[in-house]
Amino acid sequence: MRRAIDEAGNRYGMLTVIERTYPRGHRAGAYWLCECDCGNRVIVFGGNLRSGNTTSCGCNKNRRKTRWNFRRANEPEQNA
């Protein structure tokens, strides 16, 4: 049986790992309670942290989408 790597205190993208948690109804493996730079807390699978699949609570995705929509709405008209 593999031992979980202690991730407490580590930082992955915008997430800081606080402690290991054991959510019910999830597949086997190590889950971690993390705090995002924006202040939200999220539970993340350890493999997703280490691989880089999860780097924020979701706020980063929303921020990028807002910026893209702003640029698209404010770009000059292209007359063909």
C-alpha atoms as a PDB file:
ATOM      1  CA  MET A   1       0.000   0.000   0.000  1.00  0.00           C
ATOM      2  CA  ARG A   2       1.321   3.418  -0.942  1.00  0.00           C
ATOM      3  CA  ARG A   3       1.690   6.177   1.604  1.00  0.00           C
ATOM      4  CA  ALA A   4       0.348   9.615   0.817  1.00  0.00           C
ATOM      5  CA  ILE A   5       2.935  12.349   0.438  1.00  0.00           C
ATOM      6  CA  ASP A   6       2.409  15.048   3.063  1.00  0.00           C
ATOM      7  CA  GLU A   7       1.443  18.097   1.003  1.00  0.00           C
ATOM      8  CA  ALA A   8       0.489  20.412   3.911  1.00  0.00           C
ATOM      9  CA  GLY A   9       2.034  23.840   3.418  1.00  0.00           C
ATOM     10  CA  ASN A  10       2.901  23.263  -0.255  1.00  0.00           C
ATOM     11  CA  ARG A  11       1.767  25.673  -2.950  1.00  0.00           C
ATOM     12  CA  TYR A  12       0.390  24.699  -6.379  1.00  0.00           C
ATOM     13  CA  GLY A  13      -0.513  27.622  -8.623  1.00  0.00           C
ATOM     14  CA  MET A  14      -2.922  29.766  -6.608  1.00  0.00           C
ATOM     15  CA  LEU A  15      -3.668  26.997  -4.068  1.00  0.00           C
ATOM     16  CA  THR A  16      -2.013  26.539  -0.670  1.00  0.00           C
ATOM     17  CA  VAL A  17      -2.515  23.098   0.890  1.00  0.00           C
ATOM     18  CA  ILE A  18      -3.897  23.274   4.444  1.00  0.00           C
ATOM     19  CA  GLU A  19      -4.513  19.663   5.510  1.00  0.00           C
ATOM     20  CA  ARG A  20      -5.492  16.193   4.343  1.00  0.00           C
ATOM     21  CA  THR A  21      -9.204  15.463   4.305  1.00  0.00           C
ATOM     22  CA  TYR A  22     -11.346  12.358   3.857  1.00  0.00           C
ATOM     23  CA  PRO A  23     -14.485  13.220   1.839  1.00  0.00           C
ATOM     24  CA  ARG A  24     -17.197  10.571   1.768  1.00  0.00           C
ATOM     25  CA  GLY A  25     -18.275   9.137  -1.546  1.00  0.00           C
ATOM     26  CA  HIS A  26     -15.027   9.847  -3.397  1.00  0.00           C
ATOM     27  CA  ARG A  27     -12.696   7.327  -4.938  1.00  0.00           C
ATOM     28  CA  ALA A  28      -9.714   6.097  -2.966  1.00  0.00           C
ATOM     29  CA  GLY A  29      -6.703   8.353  -2.726  1.00  0.00           C
ATOM     30  CA  ALA A  30      -5.439  11.403  -0.916  1.00  0.00           C
ATOM     31  CA  TYR A  31      -7.612  14.507  -0.909  1.00  0.00           C
ATOM     32  CA  TRP A  32      -6.412  17.868   0.365  1.00  0.00           C
ATOM     33  CA  LEU A  33      -8.169  20.932   1.713  1.00  0.00           C
ATOM     34  CA  CYS A  34      -6.648  23.928  -0.061  1.00  0.00           C
ATOM     35  CA  GLU A  35      -7.094  27.671   0.200  1.00  0.00           C
ATOM     36  CA  CYS A  36      -7.023  29.768  -2.960  1.00  0.00           C
ATOM     37  CA  ASP A  37      -5.453  33.236  -3.191  1.00  0.00           C
ATOM     38  CA  CYS A  38      -8.982  34.653  -3.549  1.00  0.00           C
ATOM     39  CA  GLY A  39      -9.936  33.204  -0.111  1.00  0.00           C
ATOM     40  CA  ASN A  40     -12.105  30.263  -1.217  1.00  0.00           C
ATOM     41  CA  ARG A  41     -11.446  26.791   0.126  1.00  0.00           C
ATOM     42  CA  VAL A  42     -11.644  23.717  -2.071  1.00  0.00           C
ATOM     43  CA  ILE A  43     -11.008  19.958  -1.704  1.00  0.00           C
ATOM     44  CA  VAL A  44      -8.668  18.640  -4.394  1.00  0.00           C
ATOM     45  CA  PHE A  45      -7.391  15.169  -5.317  1.00  0.00           C
ATOM     46  CA  GLY A  46      -3.642  14.973  -4.669  1.00  0.00           C
ATOM     47  CA  GLY A  47      -2.832  13.681  -8.142  1.00  0.00           C
ATOM     48  CA  ASN A  48      -4.515  16.698  -9.725  1.00  0.00           C
ATOM     49  CA  LEU A  49      -2.419  19.047  -7.602  1.00  0.00           C
ATOM     50  CA  ARG A  50       0.886  17.409  -8.495  1.00  0.00           C
ATOM     51  CA  SER A  51       0.078  17.073 -12.220  1.00  0.00           C
ATOM     52  CA  GLY A  52      -1.013  20.711 -12.508  1.00  0.00           C
ATOM     53  CA  ASN A  53      -4.599  19.885 -13.526  1.00  0.00           C
ATOM     54  CA  THR A  54      -5.942  21.964 -10.623  1.00  0.00           C
ATOM     55  CA  THR A  55      -4.273  25.309  -9.894  1.00  0.00           C
ATOM     56  CA  SER A  56      -7.140  27.400  -8.479  1.00  0.00           C
ATOM     57  CA  CYS A  57     -10.646  27.103  -7.041  1.00  0.00           C
ATOM     58  CA  GLY A  58     -12.119  28.117 -10.395  1.00  0.00           C
ATOM     59  CA  CYS A  59     -11.734  31.862  -9.950  1.00  0.00           C
ATOM     60  CA  ASN A  60      -8.800  31.933 -12.373  1.00  0.00           C
ATOM     61  CA  LYS A  61     -10.931  30.398 -15.149  1.00  0.00           C
ATOM     62  CA  ASN A  62     -13.669  32.970 -14.559  1.00  0.00           C
ATOM     63  CA  ARG A  63     -11.123  35.798 -14.559  1.00  0.00           C
ATOM     64  CA  ARG A  64      -9.665  34.683 -17.919  1.00  0.00           C
ATOM     65  CA  LYS A  65     -13.154  34.359 -19.420  1.00  0.00           C
ATOM     66  CA  THR A  66     -14.085  37.875 -18.275  1.00  0.00           C
ATOM     67  CA  ARG A  67     -10.890  39.326 -19.785  1.00  0.00           C
ATOM     68  CA  TRP A  68     -11.499  37.512 -23.086  1.00  0.00           C
ATOM     69  CA  ASN A  69     -15.099  38.786 -23.286  1.00  0.00           C
ATOM     70  CA  PHE A  70     -13.965  42.350 -22.515  1.00  0.00           C
ATOM     71  CA  ARG A  71     -11.314  42.291 -25.262  1.00  0.00           C
ATOM     72  CA  ARG A  72     -13.741  40.776 -27.746  1.00  0.00           C
ATOM     73  CA  ALA A  73     -16.437  43.381 -26.999  1.00  0.00           C
ATOM     74  CA  ASN A  74     -13.973  46.262 -27.309  1.00  0.00           C
ATOM     75  CA  GLU A  75     -12.003  45.292 -30.398  1.00  0.00           C
ATOM     76  CA  PRO A  76     -12.365  47.605 -33.395  1.00  0.00           C
ATOM     77  CA  GLU A  77     -14.903  46.747 -36.076  1.00  0.00           C
ATOM     78  CA  GLN A  78     -13.475  45.029 -39.136  1.00  0.00           C
ATOM     79  CA  ASN A  79     -15.108  46.404 -42.298  1.00  0.00           C
ATOM     80  CA  ALA A  80     -14.635  44.083 -45.246  1.00  0.00           C
END
